[in-house]
Amino acid sequence: MLLHSIHPGADIETIANHTGFPIRYINLQRTPPPTQAEMAALQHIDPGDLRNIEFRSL
C-alpha cells in the first residue's frame, strides 16, 4: 500500500502497527481537517458519534 497522507495526530509507527501489511510512503502529507460543513454533515447523519467507537481504545 502506498500511503499519501495521514490524519492529524497520527504517525507512521502507529499506522504500521495497526496495519496487517507493509506500507510505503513518498512525500507524505497531512490530511487537511474537515470543514465546518463536513463536520455538520457528519453530526447530522451520526449524532451518536458511532464512527469513533473503534478508535476509542487507541
N, C-alpha and C. Protein backbone atom coordinates (compact mmCIF):
# COMPACT_ATOMS: atom_id res chain seq x y z
N MET A 1 0.85 -1.17 0.00
CA MET A 1 0.00 0.00 0.00
C MET A 1 0.89 1.23 0.00
N LEU A 2 0.52 2.21 -0.78
CA LEU A 2 1.22 3.47 -0.82
C LEU A 2 0.38 4.50 -0.08
N LEU A 3 0.93 5.02 0.99
CA LEU A 3 0.23 5.99 1.84
C LEU A 3 0.51 7.39 1.32
N HIS A 4 -0.56 8.17 1.10
CA HIS A 4 -0.41 9.52 0.58
C HIS A 4 -0.50 10.59 1.66
N SER A 5 -1.33 10.34 2.69
CA SER A 5 -1.46 11.34 3.75
C SER A 5 -1.86 10.64 5.05
N ILE A 6 -1.59 11.34 6.15
CA ILE A 6 -2.00 10.83 7.46
C ILE A 6 -2.81 11.92 8.16
N HIS A 7 -3.73 11.48 8.98
CA HIS A 7 -4.60 12.42 9.70
C HIS A 7 -3.82 13.11 10.82
N PRO A 8 -4.21 14.32 11.19
CA PRO A 8 -3.58 15.00 12.31
C PRO A 8 -3.63 14.11 13.56
N GLY A 9 -2.52 14.05 14.26
CA GLY A 9 -2.44 13.22 15.47
C GLY A 9 -1.95 11.81 15.21
N ALA A 10 -1.93 11.39 13.96
CA ALA A 10 -1.46 10.05 13.61
C ALA A 10 0.03 10.10 13.29
N ASP A 11 0.68 8.95 13.37
CA ASP A 11 2.09 8.87 12.99
C ASP A 11 2.33 7.54 12.27
N ILE A 12 3.43 7.48 11.55
CA ILE A 12 3.75 6.30 10.74
C ILE A 12 3.84 5.04 11.59
N GLU A 13 4.47 5.13 12.74
CA GLU A 13 4.63 3.95 13.60
C GLU A 13 3.28 3.37 14.02
N THR A 14 2.37 4.21 14.45
CA THR A 14 1.05 3.74 14.85
C THR A 14 0.30 3.13 13.67
N ILE A 15 0.37 3.77 12.53
CA ILE A 15 -0.29 3.23 11.34
C ILE A 15 0.29 1.87 11.00
N ALA A 16 1.61 1.75 10.99
CA ALA A 16 2.25 0.47 10.66
C ALA A 16 1.87 -0.61 11.67
N ASN A 17 1.77 -0.27 12.94
CA ASN A 17 1.41 -1.25 13.98
C ASN A 17 -0.03 -1.72 13.88
N HIS A 18 -0.89 -0.94 13.25
CA HIS A 18 -2.31 -1.30 13.13
C HIS A 18 -2.69 -1.75 11.72
N THR A 19 -1.69 -2.03 10.91
CA THR A 19 -1.92 -2.47 9.54
C THR A 19 -1.31 -3.85 9.38
N GLY A 20 -2.01 -4.75 8.75
CA GLY A 20 -1.52 -6.12 8.60
C GLY A 20 -0.64 -6.34 7.40
N PHE A 21 -0.16 -5.29 6.78
CA PHE A 21 0.68 -5.42 5.59
C PHE A 21 1.64 -4.23 5.55
N PRO A 22 2.73 -4.36 4.80
CA PRO A 22 3.70 -3.26 4.73
C PRO A 22 3.09 -2.02 4.07
N ILE A 23 3.50 -0.87 4.53
CA ILE A 23 3.08 0.38 3.89
C ILE A 23 4.30 1.11 3.37
N ARG A 24 4.09 1.82 2.29
CA ARG A 24 5.15 2.66 1.72
C ARG A 24 4.61 4.09 1.66
N TYR A 25 5.51 5.04 1.65
CA TYR A 25 5.08 6.43 1.51
C TYR A 25 6.17 7.24 0.84
N ILE A 26 5.74 8.20 0.04
CA ILE A 26 6.61 9.14 -0.64
C ILE A 26 5.94 10.51 -0.52
N ASN A 27 6.70 11.50 -0.12
CA ASN A 27 6.15 12.86 0.02
C ASN A 27 4.87 12.86 0.85
N LEU A 28 4.94 12.25 2.00
CA LEU A 28 3.77 12.11 2.87
C LEU A 28 3.27 13.48 3.33
N GLN A 29 1.97 13.68 3.22
CA GLN A 29 1.33 14.93 3.61
C GLN A 29 0.39 14.69 4.79
N ARG A 30 -0.01 15.75 5.45
CA ARG A 30 -1.05 15.68 6.49
C ARG A 30 -2.40 15.87 5.82
N THR A 31 -3.37 15.05 6.21
CA THR A 31 -4.73 15.19 5.71
C THR A 31 -5.31 16.49 6.26
N PRO A 32 -5.89 17.33 5.41
CA PRO A 32 -6.48 18.56 5.95
C PRO A 32 -7.66 18.23 6.86
N PRO A 33 -7.87 19.03 7.89
CA PRO A 33 -9.02 18.78 8.77
C PRO A 33 -10.32 19.00 8.02
N PRO A 34 -11.40 18.36 8.47
CA PRO A 34 -12.69 18.56 7.81
C PRO A 34 -13.18 19.99 7.97
N THR A 35 -13.94 20.43 6.99
CA THR A 35 -14.52 21.77 7.06
C THR A 35 -15.69 21.76 8.04
N GLN A 36 -16.15 22.94 8.40
CA GLN A 36 -17.32 23.04 9.29
C GLN A 36 -18.54 22.39 8.64
N ALA A 37 -18.69 22.54 7.33
CA ALA A 37 -19.83 21.93 6.63
C ALA A 37 -19.73 20.41 6.67
N GLU A 38 -18.54 19.86 6.50
CA GLU A 38 -18.36 18.40 6.57
C GLU A 38 -18.65 17.89 7.97
N MET A 39 -18.18 18.60 8.99
CA MET A 39 -18.45 18.18 10.37
C MET A 39 -19.95 18.26 10.69
N ALA A 40 -20.62 19.27 10.18
CA ALA A 40 -22.06 19.39 10.40
C ALA A 40 -22.80 18.23 9.73
N ALA A 41 -22.36 17.85 8.53
CA ALA A 41 -22.98 16.72 7.83
C ALA A 41 -22.77 15.43 8.62
N LEU A 42 -21.56 15.21 9.13
CA LEU A 42 -21.29 14.02 9.94
C LEU A 42 -22.16 13.99 11.19
N GLN A 43 -22.26 15.11 11.86
CA GLN A 43 -23.08 15.18 13.07
C GLN A 43 -24.55 14.89 12.75
N HIS A 44 -24.99 15.34 11.58
CA HIS A 44 -26.38 15.12 11.17
C HIS A 44 -26.66 13.64 10.92
N ILE A 45 -25.75 12.94 10.25
CA ILE A 45 -26.00 11.53 9.92
C ILE A 45 -25.55 10.57 11.01
N ASP A 46 -24.71 11.05 11.95
CA ASP A 46 -24.21 10.20 13.03
C ASP A 46 -24.21 10.97 14.35
N PRO A 47 -25.39 11.33 14.85
CA PRO A 47 -25.45 12.14 16.07
C PRO A 47 -24.90 11.43 17.31
N GLY A 48 -24.85 10.10 17.30
CA GLY A 48 -24.32 9.36 18.44
C GLY A 48 -22.82 9.13 18.38
N ASP A 49 -22.16 9.68 17.36
CA ASP A 49 -20.71 9.57 17.19
C ASP A 49 -20.23 8.12 17.09
N LEU A 50 -21.05 7.26 16.47
CA LEU A 50 -20.69 5.85 16.33
C LEU A 50 -19.44 5.65 15.48
N ARG A 51 -19.12 6.58 14.61
CA ARG A 51 -17.96 6.45 13.73
C ARG A 51 -16.65 6.38 14.52
N ASN A 52 -16.63 6.84 15.74
CA ASN A 52 -15.40 6.87 16.52
C ASN A 52 -15.25 5.71 17.50
N ILE A 53 -16.21 4.81 17.56
CA ILE A 53 -16.15 3.72 18.55
C ILE A 53 -14.87 2.90 18.41
N GLU A 54 -14.50 2.51 17.19
CA GLU A 54 -13.34 1.64 17.05
C GLU A 54 -12.03 2.33 17.42
N PHE A 55 -12.00 3.64 17.47
CA PHE A 55 -10.77 4.35 17.76
C PHE A 55 -10.64 4.77 19.22
N ARG A 56 -11.64 4.56 20.02
CA ARG A 56 -11.59 4.99 21.42
C ARG A 56 -10.55 4.25 22.23
N SER A 57 -10.16 3.05 21.79
CA SER A 57 -9.18 2.28 22.55
C SER A 57 -7.75 2.62 22.18
N LEU A 58 -7.54 3.46 21.16
CA LEU A 58 -6.17 3.78 20.73
C LEU A 58 -5.56 4.87 21.57
